Amino acid sequence: MQIVRTPGSARAVSRTLKRPVGFVPTMGALHAGHLALVDRAREENASVVASIFVNPLQFGPGEDFAKYPRAFAHDVELLEAHGVDLLYAPAVERMYPADFASSISIGPLGERLEGARRPGHFTGVATIVAKLLHAIEPTSLYLGQKDVQQTAVLRAMVRDLDMATNVVVAATVREPGGLARSSRNVYLTPEQRAAAPSFYRALRAVADAVQHGETRREPALAAGQPLLEAPLTWDYLAIVDPWTFVETDSVARPSIVVGAAFAGSTRLLDNVSVPSPAGVDPVLTPLRPRALSAELRGSR
């Protein structure tokens, strides 16, 4: 696995890789969720690129940028073991020099829910991912469902700016009790970790209510709100349109049940999608056919 540090070197090396190229952007502190994305990219592409960059532009005042977990040497070992061909790991000063002034705004989609609670967050996400895509020029961008509003923002950016990249969203990887894998789970105390699976159960209960025909927002939300266990507390729980993230009083399918909960100062984020009446999931990208994956493996 090659490691590069600048946009020019990333672009130069990436252009020598066999196509198609799958790209997995990360902020490091890798866990099973990241590695599942890498494995899927490995299965569906001739080459795989990953990035590690803790992006200060997406952290707000008082958030955990300085203490965000970093484990670069261990991350390198994991990525190499999972077959990554190229790792792009730029420095903050290279990505955002002193005179850096450009950014990408995604409009109202980036201002709702997470965007409202973390002003500027999605501008930071869109800006860094645009820079990474320009450097890597991948065939496909691989994202996890856990940060579902982020996936919608990036899909919209790629579409609106005519970027020549497919966006692939893979299912959230969960711990045995249902808690979504996250780098921030290391912050949880034993008491918080014991209660954390109730967050997923609450989201699942709301999704099940909608799946079984509940069309009124409040009764659907009431199916899950009481299930969150102390010491966790709700930040929000909502049922939204999969593309606009607008909440409506009348619930339709497909939809997404989204939520955020506090465990002390740690904020947990998760979601459950509700398929259309025809069974189509509004978030996940279907797996590439086995025959094509086998053909790609044969080309390596």
C-alpha atoms as a PDB file:
ATOM      1  CA  MET A   1       0.000   0.000   0.000  1.00  0.00           C
ATOM      2  CA  GLN A   2       1.339   3.405  -0.997  1.00  0.00           C
ATOM      3  CA  ILE A   3       0.852   6.407   1.318  1.00  0.00           C
ATOM      4  CA  VAL A   4       0.709   9.899  -0.175  1.00  0.00           C
ATOM      5  CA  ARG A   5       0.371  13.276   1.510  1.00  0.00           C
ATOM      6  CA  THR A   6      -0.490  15.863  -1.163  1.00  0.00           C
ATOM      7  CA  PRO A   7      -3.319  16.302  -3.704  1.00  0.00           C
ATOM      8  CA  GLY A   8      -0.873  16.165  -6.609  1.00  0.00           C
ATOM      9  CA  SER A   9       0.729  12.914  -5.498  1.00  0.00           C
ATOM     10  CA  ALA A  10      -2.675  11.389  -4.723  1.00  0.00           C
ATOM     11  CA  ARG A  11      -3.902  12.254  -8.216  1.00  0.00           C
ATOM     12  CA  ALA A  12      -0.748  11.019  -9.912  1.00  0.00           C
ATOM     13  CA  VAL A  13      -0.724   7.652  -8.156  1.00  0.00           C
ATOM     14  CA  SER A  14      -4.495   7.179  -8.399  1.00  0.00           C
ATOM     15  CA  ARG A  15      -4.336   7.607 -12.162  1.00  0.00           C
ATOM     16  CA  THR A  16      -1.951   4.625 -12.380  1.00  0.00           C
ATOM     17  CA  LEU A  17      -4.372   2.278 -10.594  1.00  0.00           C
ATOM     18  CA  LYS A  18      -6.517  -0.208 -12.451  1.00  0.00           C
ATOM     19  CA  ARG A  19     -10.083   0.974 -12.961  1.00  0.00           C
ATOM     20  CA  PRO A  20     -12.680   0.948 -11.551  1.00  0.00           C
ATOM     21  CA  VAL A  21     -11.434   2.608  -8.358  1.00  0.00           C
ATOM     22  CA  GLY A  22     -13.424   2.539  -5.123  1.00  0.00           C
ATOM     23  CA  PHE A  23     -12.774   5.269  -2.558  1.00  0.00           C
ATOM     24  CA  VAL A  24     -13.462   5.165   1.190  1.00  0.00           C
ATOM     25  CA  PRO A  25     -12.960   8.497   3.013  1.00  0.00           C
ATOM     26  CA  THR A  26     -12.397   8.281   6.778  1.00  0.00           C
ATOM     27  CA  MET A  27     -11.277  10.365   9.731  1.00  0.00           C
ATOM     28  CA  GLY A  28      -9.260   7.414  11.037  1.00  0.00           C
ATOM     29  CA  ALA A  29      -9.721   5.569  14.347  1.00  0.00           C
ATOM     30  CA  LEU A  30     -10.979   2.769  12.136  1.00  0.00           C
ATOM     31  CA  HIS A  31     -13.550   0.222  13.302  1.00  0.00           C
ATOM     32  CA  ALA A  32     -15.554  -2.616  11.761  1.00  0.00           C
ATOM     33  CA  GLY A  33     -17.867  -0.175   9.966  1.00  0.00           C
ATOM     34  CA  HIS A  34     -15.004   1.435   8.068  1.00  0.00           C
ATOM     35  CA  LEU A  35     -13.490  -1.928   7.242  1.00  0.00           C
ATOM     36  CA  ALA A  36     -16.815  -3.231   5.914  1.00  0.00           C
ATOM     37  CA  LEU A  37     -16.824  -0.310   3.463  1.00  0.00           C
ATOM     38  CA  VAL A  38     -13.252  -1.113   2.437  1.00  0.00           C
ATOM     39  CA  ASP A  39     -14.152  -4.775   1.942  1.00  0.00           C
ATOM     40  CA  ARG A  40     -17.140  -3.887  -0.207  1.00  0.00           C
ATOM     41  CA  ALA A  41     -15.045  -1.494  -2.279  1.00  0.00           C
ATOM     42  CA  ARG A  42     -12.460  -4.268  -2.658  1.00  0.00           C
ATOM     43  CA  GLU A  43     -15.168  -6.672  -3.861  1.00  0.00           C
ATOM     44  CA  GLU A  44     -16.639  -4.267  -6.382  1.00  0.00           C
ATOM     45  CA  ASN A  45     -13.548  -2.566  -7.814  1.00  0.00           C
ATOM     46  CA  ALA A  46     -10.176  -3.361  -9.311  1.00  0.00           C
ATOM     47  CA  SER A  47      -8.446  -0.903  -6.961  1.00  0.00           C
ATOM     48  CA  VAL A  48      -9.244   0.687  -3.599  1.00  0.00           C
ATOM     49  CA  VAL A  49      -8.170   4.048  -2.181  1.00  0.00           C
ATOM     50  CA  ALA A  50      -8.802   5.228   1.385  1.00  0.00           C
ATOM     51  CA  SER A  51      -8.149   8.549   3.063  1.00  0.00           C
ATOM     52  CA  ILE A  52      -7.500   9.523   6.666  1.00  0.00           C
ATOM     53  CA  PHE A  53      -8.107  13.164   7.500  1.00  0.00           C
ATOM     54  CA  VAL A  54      -9.666  14.630  10.637  1.00  0.00           C
ATOM     55  CA  ASN A  55     -11.432  17.563   9.037  1.00  0.00           C
ATOM     56  CA  PRO A  56     -11.503  20.688  11.223  1.00  0.00           C
ATOM     57  CA  LEU A  57     -13.981  22.377   8.898  1.00  0.00           C
ATOM     58  CA  GLN A  58     -16.814  20.063   9.995  1.00  0.00           C
ATOM     59  CA  PHE A  59     -16.305  20.548  13.750  1.00  0.00           C
ATOM     60  CA  GLY A  60     -18.126  23.387  15.447  1.00  0.00           C
ATOM     61  CA  PRO A  61     -17.045  25.463  18.456  1.00  0.00           C
ATOM     62  CA  GLY A  62     -16.827  23.295  21.552  1.00  0.00           C
ATOM     63  CA  GLU A  63     -16.892  20.029  19.574  1.00  0.00           C
ATOM     64  CA  ASP A  64     -14.282  17.317  19.917  1.00  0.00           C
ATOM     65  CA  PHE A  65     -11.769  18.071  17.129  1.00  0.00           C
ATOM     66  CA  ALA A  66      -8.756  18.225  19.455  1.00  0.00           C
ATOM     67  CA  LYS A  67      -9.619  15.010  21.301  1.00  0.00           C
ATOM     68  CA  TYR A  68     -11.082  13.089  18.337  1.00  0.00           C
ATOM     69  CA  PRO A  69      -9.445   9.631  18.504  1.00  0.00           C
ATOM     70  CA  ARG A  70      -6.380   9.226  16.309  1.00  0.00           C
ATOM     71  CA  ALA A  71      -4.549   5.930  15.721  1.00  0.00           C
ATOM     72  CA  PHE A  72      -2.708   6.368  12.435  1.00  0.00           C
ATOM     73  CA  ALA A  73      -0.177   3.524  12.716  1.00  0.00           C
ATOM     74  CA  HIS A  74      -2.864   1.003  13.630  1.00  0.00           C
ATOM     75  CA  ASP A  75      -5.154   2.334  10.895  1.00  0.00           C
ATOM     76  CA  VAL A  76      -2.397   1.819   8.319  1.00  0.00           C
ATOM     77  CA  GLU A  77      -2.022  -1.806   9.404  1.00  0.00           C
ATOM     78  CA  LEU A  78      -5.759  -2.419   9.100  1.00  0.00           C
ATOM     79  CA  LEU A  79      -6.073  -0.813   5.681  1.00  0.00           C
ATOM     80  CA  GLU A  80      -3.096  -2.736   4.346  1.00  0.00           C
ATOM     81  CA  ALA A  81      -4.514  -6.001   5.695  1.00  0.00           C
ATOM     82  CA  HIS A  82      -7.823  -5.294   3.927  1.00  0.00           C
ATOM     83  CA  GLY A  83      -6.233  -4.768   0.541  1.00  0.00           C
ATOM     84  CA  VAL A  84      -6.164  -0.991   0.143  1.00  0.00           C
ATOM     85  CA  ASP A  85      -3.864   0.051  -2.704  1.00  0.00           C
ATOM     86  CA  LEU A  86      -3.427   3.726  -1.852  1.00  0.00           C
ATOM     87  CA  LEU A  87      -3.845   5.769   1.332  1.00  0.00           C
ATOM     88  CA  TYR A  88      -4.188   9.532   1.094  1.00  0.00           C
ATOM     89  CA  ALA A  89      -3.347  11.194   4.424  1.00  0.00           C
ATOM     90  CA  PRO A  90      -2.786  14.928   3.952  1.00  0.00           C
ATOM     91  CA  ALA A  91      -1.899  17.429   6.659  1.00  0.00           C
ATOM     92  CA  VAL A  92      -4.392  20.090   7.740  1.00  0.00           C
ATOM     93  CA  GLU A  93      -2.015  22.823   6.556  1.00  0.00           C
ATOM     94  CA  ARG A  94      -1.936  21.300   3.069  1.00  0.00           C
ATOM     95  CA  MET A  95      -5.696  20.989   2.792  1.00  0.00           C
ATOM     96  CA  TYR A  96      -6.466  24.395   4.313  1.00  0.00           C
ATOM     97  CA  PRO A  97      -3.591  26.840   3.816  1.00  0.00           C
ATOM     98  CA  ALA A  98      -3.790  30.238   5.458  1.00  0.00           C
ATOM     99  CA  ASP A  99      -5.465  31.853   2.450  1.00  0.00           C
ATOM    100  CA  PHE A 100      -8.068  29.094   1.955  1.00  0.00           C
ATOM    101  CA  ALA A 101     -11.462  30.722   1.309  1.00  0.00           C
ATOM    102  CA  SER A 102     -13.684  28.417  -0.797  1.00  0.00           C
ATOM    103  CA  SER A 103     -16.514  26.199   0.389  1.00  0.00           C
ATOM    104  CA  ILE A 104     -19.508  24.223  -0.858  1.00  0.00           C
ATOM    105  CA  SER A 105     -22.991  24.857   0.525  1.00  0.00           C
ATOM    106  CA  ILE A 106     -25.657  22.264  -0.130  1.00  0.00           C
ATOM    107  CA  GLY A 107     -28.651  24.528   0.587  1.00  0.00           C
ATOM    108  CA  PRO A 108     -31.700  23.692   2.736  1.00  0.00           C
ATOM    109  CA  LEU A 109     -30.862  19.971   2.903  1.00  0.00           C
ATOM    110  CA  GLY A 110     -27.719  20.884   4.811  1.00  0.00           C
ATOM    111  CA  GLU A 111     -29.567  23.203   7.202  1.00  0.00           C
ATOM    112  CA  ARG A 112     -32.106  20.750   8.650  1.00  0.00           C
ATOM    113  CA  LEU A 113     -31.737  18.444  11.677  1.00  0.00           C
ATOM    114  CA  GLU A 114     -27.975  17.854  11.940  1.00  0.00           C
ATOM    115  CA  GLY A 115     -27.327  21.009   9.952  1.00  0.00           C
ATOM    116  CA  ALA A 116     -29.485  23.074  12.304  1.00  0.00           C
ATOM    117  CA  ARG A 117     -27.774  21.693  15.393  1.00  0.00           C
ATOM    118  CA  ARG A 118     -24.281  21.906  13.940  1.00  0.00           C
ATOM    119  CA  PRO A 119     -24.202  25.056  11.787  1.00  0.00           C
ATOM    120  CA  GLY A 120     -21.610  24.805   9.039  1.00  0.00           C
ATOM    121  CA  HIS A 121     -21.089  21.070   9.568  1.00  0.00           C
ATOM    122  CA  PHE A 122     -22.326  19.965   6.156  1.00  0.00           C
ATOM    123  CA  THR A 123     -20.488  22.792   4.407  1.00  0.00           C
ATOM    124  CA  GLY A 124     -17.344  21.361   5.978  1.00  0.00           C
ATOM    125  CA  VAL A 125     -18.254  17.814   4.942  1.00  0.00           C
ATOM    126  CA  ALA A 126     -19.113  18.755   1.360  1.00  0.00           C
ATOM    127  CA  THR A 127     -16.001  20.883   0.964  1.00  0.00           C
ATOM    128  CA  ILE A 128     -13.549  18.241   2.157  1.00  0.00           C
ATOM    129  CA  VAL A 129     -15.176  15.423   0.197  1.00  0.00           C
ATOM    130  CA  ALA A 130     -15.146  17.540  -2.960  1.00  0.00           C
ATOM    131  CA  LYS A 131     -11.409  18.130  -2.435  1.00  0.00           C
ATOM    132  CA  LEU A 132     -10.806  14.423  -1.864  1.00  0.00           C
ATOM    133  CA  LEU A 133     -12.781  13.445  -4.956  1.00  0.00           C
ATOM    134  CA  HIS A 134     -10.829  15.900  -7.094  1.00  0.00           C
ATOM    135  CA  ALA A 135      -7.563  14.424  -5.819  1.00  0.00           C
ATOM    136  CA  ILE A 136      -8.511  10.736  -6.133  1.00  0.00           C
ATOM    137  CA  GLU A 137     -10.888  10.815  -9.144  1.00  0.00           C
ATOM    138  CA  PRO A 138     -12.561   7.554  -8.060  1.00  0.00           C
ATOM    139  CA  THR A 139     -15.177   5.592  -9.942  1.00  0.00           C
ATOM    140  CA  SER A 140     -17.256   5.159  -6.789  1.00  0.00           C
ATOM    141  CA  LEU A 141     -17.422   6.806  -3.367  1.00  0.00           C
ATOM    142  CA  TYR A 142     -18.299   4.440  -0.483  1.00  0.00           C
ATOM    143  CA  LEU A 143     -20.251   5.778   2.502  1.00  0.00           C
ATOM    144  CA  GLY A 144     -21.945   4.201   5.523  1.00  0.00           C
ATOM    145  CA  GLN A 145     -25.653   4.580   6.291  1.00  0.00           C
ATOM    146  CA  LYS A 146     -25.065   5.633   9.913  1.00  0.00           C
ATOM    147  CA  ASP A 147     -24.475   9.246   8.870  1.00  0.00           C
ATOM    148  CA  VAL A 148     -27.518   9.173   6.638  1.00  0.00           C
ATOM    149  CA  GLN A 149     -28.067  12.912   6.221  1.00  0.00           C
ATOM    150  CA  GLN A 150     -24.429  13.181   5.228  1.00  0.00           C
ATOM    151  CA  THR A 151     -24.991  10.569   2.511  1.00  0.00           C
ATOM    152  CA  ALA A 152     -27.917  12.612   1.179  1.00  0.00           C
ATOM    153  CA  VAL A 153     -25.812  15.788   1.200  1.00  0.00           C
ATOM    154  CA  LEU A 154     -22.982  14.117  -0.705  1.00  0.00           C
ATOM    155  CA  ARG A 155     -25.321  12.482  -3.195  1.00  0.00           C
ATOM    156  CA  ALA A 156     -26.838  15.901  -3.863  1.00  0.00           C
ATOM    157  CA  MET A 157     -23.403  17.501  -4.250  1.00  0.00           C
ATOM    158  CA  VAL A 158     -22.209  14.856  -6.717  1.00  0.00           C
ATOM    159  CA  ARG A 159     -25.434  15.213  -8.708  1.00  0.00           C
ATOM    160  CA  ASP A 160     -25.579  19.006  -8.677  1.00  0.00           C
ATOM    161  CA  LEU A 161     -21.916  19.507  -9.606  1.00  0.00           C
ATOM    162  CA  ASP A 162     -21.870  16.783 -12.289  1.00  0.00           C
ATOM    163  CA  MET A 163     -19.062  14.897 -10.561  1.00  0.00           C
ATOM    164  CA  ALA A 164     -18.044  11.728 -12.397  1.00  0.00           C
ATOM    165  CA  THR A 165     -18.375   9.517  -9.319  1.00  0.00           C
ATOM    166  CA  ASN A 166     -20.988   6.991  -8.226  1.00  0.00           C
ATOM    167  CA  VAL A 167     -22.131   7.207  -4.603  1.00  0.00           C
ATOM    168  CA  VAL A 168     -22.508   3.831  -2.884  1.00  0.00           C
ATOM    169  CA  VAL A 169     -24.165   3.648   0.546  1.00  0.00           C
ATOM    170  CA  ALA A 170     -23.707   0.479   2.609  1.00  0.00           C
ATOM    171  CA  ALA A 171     -25.632  -0.709   5.652  1.00  0.00           C
ATOM    172  CA  THR A 172     -24.607   0.379   9.146  1.00  0.00           C
ATOM    173  CA  VAL A 173     -22.391  -2.101  10.965  1.00  0.00           C
ATOM    174  CA  ARG A 174     -23.662  -2.702  14.491  1.00  0.00           C
ATOM    175  CA  GLU A 175     -22.438  -4.167  17.739  1.00  0.00           C
ATOM    176  CA  PRO A 176     -24.287  -7.301  18.977  1.00  0.00           C
ATOM    177  CA  GLY A 177     -26.840  -5.226  20.919  1.00  0.00           C
ATOM    178  CA  GLY A 178     -27.602  -2.984  17.950  1.00  0.00           C
ATOM    179  CA  LEU A 179     -25.427   0.045  18.760  1.00  0.00           C
ATOM    180  CA  ALA A 180     -24.006   1.514  15.544  1.00  0.00           C
ATOM    181  CA  ARG A 181     -20.231   1.244  15.297  1.00  0.00           C
ATOM    182  CA  SER A 182     -18.646   4.667  15.706  1.00  0.00           C
ATOM    183  CA  SER A 183     -15.213   6.038  16.538  1.00  0.00           C
ATOM    184  CA  ARG A 184     -16.888   8.071  19.287  1.00  0.00           C
ATOM    185  CA  ASN A 185     -18.127   4.947  21.109  1.00  0.00           C
ATOM    186  CA  VAL A 186     -14.779   4.913  22.944  1.00  0.00           C
ATOM    187  CA  TYR A 187     -16.053   7.922  24.922  1.00  0.00           C
ATOM    188  CA  LEU A 188     -18.942   5.953  26.471  1.00  0.00           C
ATOM    189  CA  THR A 189     -18.831   5.012  30.151  1.00  0.00           C
ATOM    190  CA  PRO A 190     -19.857   1.445  31.111  1.00  0.00           C
ATOM    191  CA  GLU A 191     -23.279   2.728  32.212  1.00  0.00           C
ATOM    192  CA  GLN A 192     -23.802   4.640  28.961  1.00  0.00           C
ATOM    193  CA  ARG A 193     -22.668   1.701  26.843  1.00  0.00           C
ATOM    194  CA  ALA A 194     -25.105  -0.611  28.639  1.00  0.00           C
ATOM    195  CA  ALA A 195     -27.981   1.749  27.820  1.00  0.00           C
ATOM    196  CA  ALA A 196     -26.845   2.651  24.296  1.00  0.00           C
ATOM    197  CA  PRO A 197     -28.510  -0.285  22.464  1.00  0.00           C
ATOM    198  CA  SER A 198     -31.884   1.147  23.534  1.00  0.00           C
ATOM    199  CA  PHE A 199     -31.270   3.974  21.037  1.00  0.00           C
ATOM    200  CA  TYR A 200     -31.414   1.562  18.100  1.00  0.00           C
ATOM    201  CA  ARG A 201     -34.393  -0.284  19.594  1.00  0.00           C
ATOM    202  CA  ALA A 202     -36.292   3.002  19.810  1.00  0.00           C
ATOM    203  CA  LEU A 203     -35.558   3.872  16.181  1.00  0.00           C
ATOM    204  CA  ARG A 204     -36.484   0.351  15.122  1.00  0.00           C
ATOM    205  CA  ALA A 205     -39.821   0.582  16.956  1.00  0.00           C
ATOM    206  CA  VAL A 206     -40.751   3.788  15.099  1.00  0.00           C
ATOM    207  CA  ALA A 207     -39.742   2.264  11.770  1.00  0.00           C
ATOM    208  CA  ASP A 208     -41.793  -0.855  12.516  1.00  0.00           C
ATOM    209  CA  ALA A 209     -44.844   1.292  13.280  1.00  0.00           C
ATOM    210  CA  VAL A 210     -44.536   3.031   9.917  1.00  0.00           C
ATOM    211  CA  GLN A 211     -43.818  -0.257   8.158  1.00  0.00           C
ATOM    212  CA  HIS A 212     -47.018  -1.718   9.613  1.00  0.00           C
ATOM    213  CA  GLY A 213     -49.209   1.112   8.366  1.00  0.00           C
ATOM    214  CA  GLU A 214     -49.042   3.999  10.844  1.00  0.00           C
ATOM    215  CA  THR A 215     -49.347   7.200   8.798  1.00  0.00           C
ATOM    216  CA  ARG A 216     -49.545   9.756  11.635  1.00  0.00           C
ATOM    217  CA  ARG A 217     -46.239  11.182  12.820  1.00  0.00           C
ATOM    218  CA  GLU A 218     -46.911  11.550  16.551  1.00  0.00           C
ATOM    219  CA  PRO A 219     -48.281   8.025  17.171  1.00  0.00           C
ATOM    220  CA  ALA A 220     -45.383   6.590  15.167  1.00  0.00           C
ATOM    221  CA  LEU A 221     -42.817   8.544  17.192  1.00  0.00           C
ATOM    222  CA  ALA A 222     -44.568   7.581  20.431  1.00  0.00           C
ATOM    223  CA  ALA A 223     -43.784   3.943  19.648  1.00  0.00           C
ATOM    224  CA  GLY A 224     -40.096   4.659  20.195  1.00  0.00           C
ATOM    225  CA  GLN A 225     -39.653   7.720  22.373  1.00  0.00           C
ATOM    226  CA  PRO A 226     -40.158   5.956  25.750  1.00  0.00           C
ATOM    227  CA  LEU A 227     -37.700   3.173  24.866  1.00  0.00           C
ATOM    228  CA  LEU A 228     -34.551   5.265  25.250  1.00  0.00           C
ATOM    229  CA  GLU A 229     -32.923   4.239  28.535  1.00  0.00           C
ATOM    230  CA  ALA A 230     -31.252   6.526  31.084  1.00  0.00           C
ATOM    231  CA  PRO A 231     -28.701   8.000  31.260  1.00  0.00           C
ATOM    232  CA  LEU A 232     -29.248   8.618  27.525  1.00  0.00           C
ATOM    233  CA  THR A 233     -31.479  11.553  26.580  1.00  0.00           C
ATOM    234  CA  TRP A 234     -33.037  12.532  23.278  1.00  0.00           C
ATOM    235  CA  ASP A 235     -31.660  15.345  21.157  1.00  0.00           C
ATOM    236  CA  TYR A 236     -34.231  14.615  18.456  1.00  0.00           C
ATOM    237  CA  LEU A 237     -36.296  11.815  16.951  1.00  0.00           C
ATOM    238  CA  ALA A 238     -37.914  12.370  13.553  1.00  0.00           C
ATOM    239  CA  ILE A 239     -39.387  10.707  10.484  1.00  0.00           C
ATOM    240  CA  VAL A 240     -38.180  12.375   7.309  1.00  0.00           C
ATOM    241  CA  ASP A 241     -38.382  12.278   3.556  1.00  0.00           C
ATOM    242  CA  PRO A 242     -35.312  10.339   2.303  1.00  0.00           C
ATOM    243  CA  TRP A 243     -34.242  13.029  -0.169  1.00  0.00           C
ATOM    244  CA  THR A 244     -35.175  16.357   1.449  1.00  0.00           C
ATOM    245  CA  PHE A 245     -35.096  15.391   5.162  1.00  0.00           C
ATOM    246  CA  VAL A 246     -38.287  17.366   5.648  1.00  0.00           C
ATOM    247  CA  GLU A 247     -40.604  16.234   8.453  1.00  0.00           C
ATOM    248  CA  THR A 248     -44.334  16.028   7.718  1.00  0.00           C
ATOM    249  CA  ASP A 249     -47.370  15.308   9.894  1.00  0.00           C
ATOM    250  CA  SER A 250     -48.465  12.589   7.488  1.00  0.00           C
ATOM    251  CA  VAL A 251     -45.933   9.766   7.239  1.00  0.00           C
ATOM    252  CA  ALA A 252     -45.327   8.163   3.853  1.00  0.00           C
ATOM    253  CA  ARG A 253     -43.198   5.301   2.641  1.00  0.00           C
ATOM    254  CA  PRO A 254     -40.345   5.261   1.882  1.00  0.00           C
ATOM    255  CA  SER A 255     -39.011   7.318   4.763  1.00  0.00           C
ATOM    256  CA  ILE A 256     -36.150   7.401   7.248  1.00  0.00           C
ATOM    257  CA  VAL A 257     -36.383   7.394  11.024  1.00  0.00           C
ATOM    258  CA  VAL A 258     -33.489   9.533  12.239  1.00  0.00           C
ATOM    259  CA  GLY A 259     -32.361  10.293  15.749  1.00  0.00           C
ATOM    260  CA  ALA A 260     -29.654  11.772  17.908  1.00  0.00           C
ATOM    261  CA  ALA A 261     -29.165  11.062  21.595  1.00  0.00           C
ATOM    262  CA  PHE A 262     -26.825  12.347  24.275  1.00  0.00           C
ATOM    263  CA  ALA A 263     -24.777  10.038  26.474  1.00  0.00           C
ATOM    264  CA  GLY A 264     -23.265  12.661  28.742  1.00  0.00           C
ATOM    265  CA  SER A 265     -21.214  14.867  26.420  1.00  0.00           C
ATOM    266  CA  THR A 266     -21.086  12.169  23.730  1.00  0.00           C
ATOM    267  CA  ARG A 267     -23.646  12.489  20.980  1.00  0.00           C
ATOM    268  CA  LEU A 268     -24.891   9.319  19.281  1.00  0.00           C
ATOM    269  CA  LEU A 269     -26.346   9.389  15.772  1.00  0.00           C
ATOM    270  CA  ASP A 270     -28.311   6.643  14.036  1.00  0.00           C
ATOM    271  CA  ASN A 271     -31.197   5.909  11.667  1.00  0.00           C
ATOM    272  CA  VAL A 272     -33.431   3.179  10.270  1.00  0.00           C
ATOM    273  CA  SER A 273     -34.840   3.350   6.768  1.00  0.00           C
ATOM    274  CA  VAL A 274     -38.398   2.301   5.932  1.00  0.00           C
ATOM    275  CA  PRO A 275     -38.670   0.755   2.447  1.00  0.00           C
ATOM    276  CA  SER A 276     -41.259   1.713  -0.137  1.00  0.00           C
ATOM    277  CA  PRO A 277     -44.403  -0.443  -0.432  1.00  0.00           C
ATOM    278  CA  ALA A 278     -42.543  -2.295  -3.201  1.00  0.00           C
ATOM    279  CA  GLY A 279     -39.704  -3.085  -0.803  1.00  0.00           C
ATOM    280  CA  VAL A 280     -37.105  -0.654  -2.190  1.00  0.00           C
ATOM    281  CA  ASP A 281     -34.782   0.793   0.444  1.00  0.00           C
ATOM    282  CA  PRO A 282     -34.398   4.575  -0.049  1.00  0.00           C
ATOM    283  CA  VAL A 283     -30.835   4.690   1.295  1.00  0.00           C
ATOM    284  CA  LEU A 284     -28.841   1.573   0.496  1.00  0.00           C
ATOM    285  CA  THR A 285     -27.144   0.833  -2.805  1.00  0.00           C
ATOM    286  CA  PRO A 286     -27.692  -2.759  -3.997  1.00  0.00           C
ATOM    287  CA  LEU A 287     -24.659  -5.000  -4.099  1.00  0.00           C
ATOM    288  CA  ARG A 288     -22.916  -5.288  -7.425  1.00  0.00           C
ATOM    289  CA  PRO A 289     -23.817  -8.586  -9.187  1.00  0.00           C
ATOM    290  CA  ARG A 290     -21.521 -11.464  -8.259  1.00  0.00           C
ATOM    291  CA  ALA A 291     -20.615 -12.138 -11.884  1.00  0.00           C
ATOM    292  CA  LEU A 292     -19.178  -8.641 -12.329  1.00  0.00           C
ATOM    293  CA  SER A 293     -17.345  -8.822  -9.000  1.00  0.00           C
ATOM    294  CA  ALA A 294     -15.801 -12.141 -10.047  1.00  0.00           C
ATOM    295  CA  GLU A 295     -14.745 -10.617 -13.359  1.00  0.00           C
ATOM    296  CA  LEU A 296     -13.059  -7.736 -11.545  1.00  0.00           C
ATOM    297  CA  ARG A 297     -11.230 -10.133  -9.245  1.00  0.00           C
ATOM    298  CA  GLY A 298      -9.963 -11.993 -12.286  1.00  0.00           C
ATOM    299  CA  SER A 299      -8.571  -8.797 -13.777  1.00  0.00           C
ATOM    300  CA  ARG A 300      -6.311  -8.116 -10.803  1.00  0.00           C
END
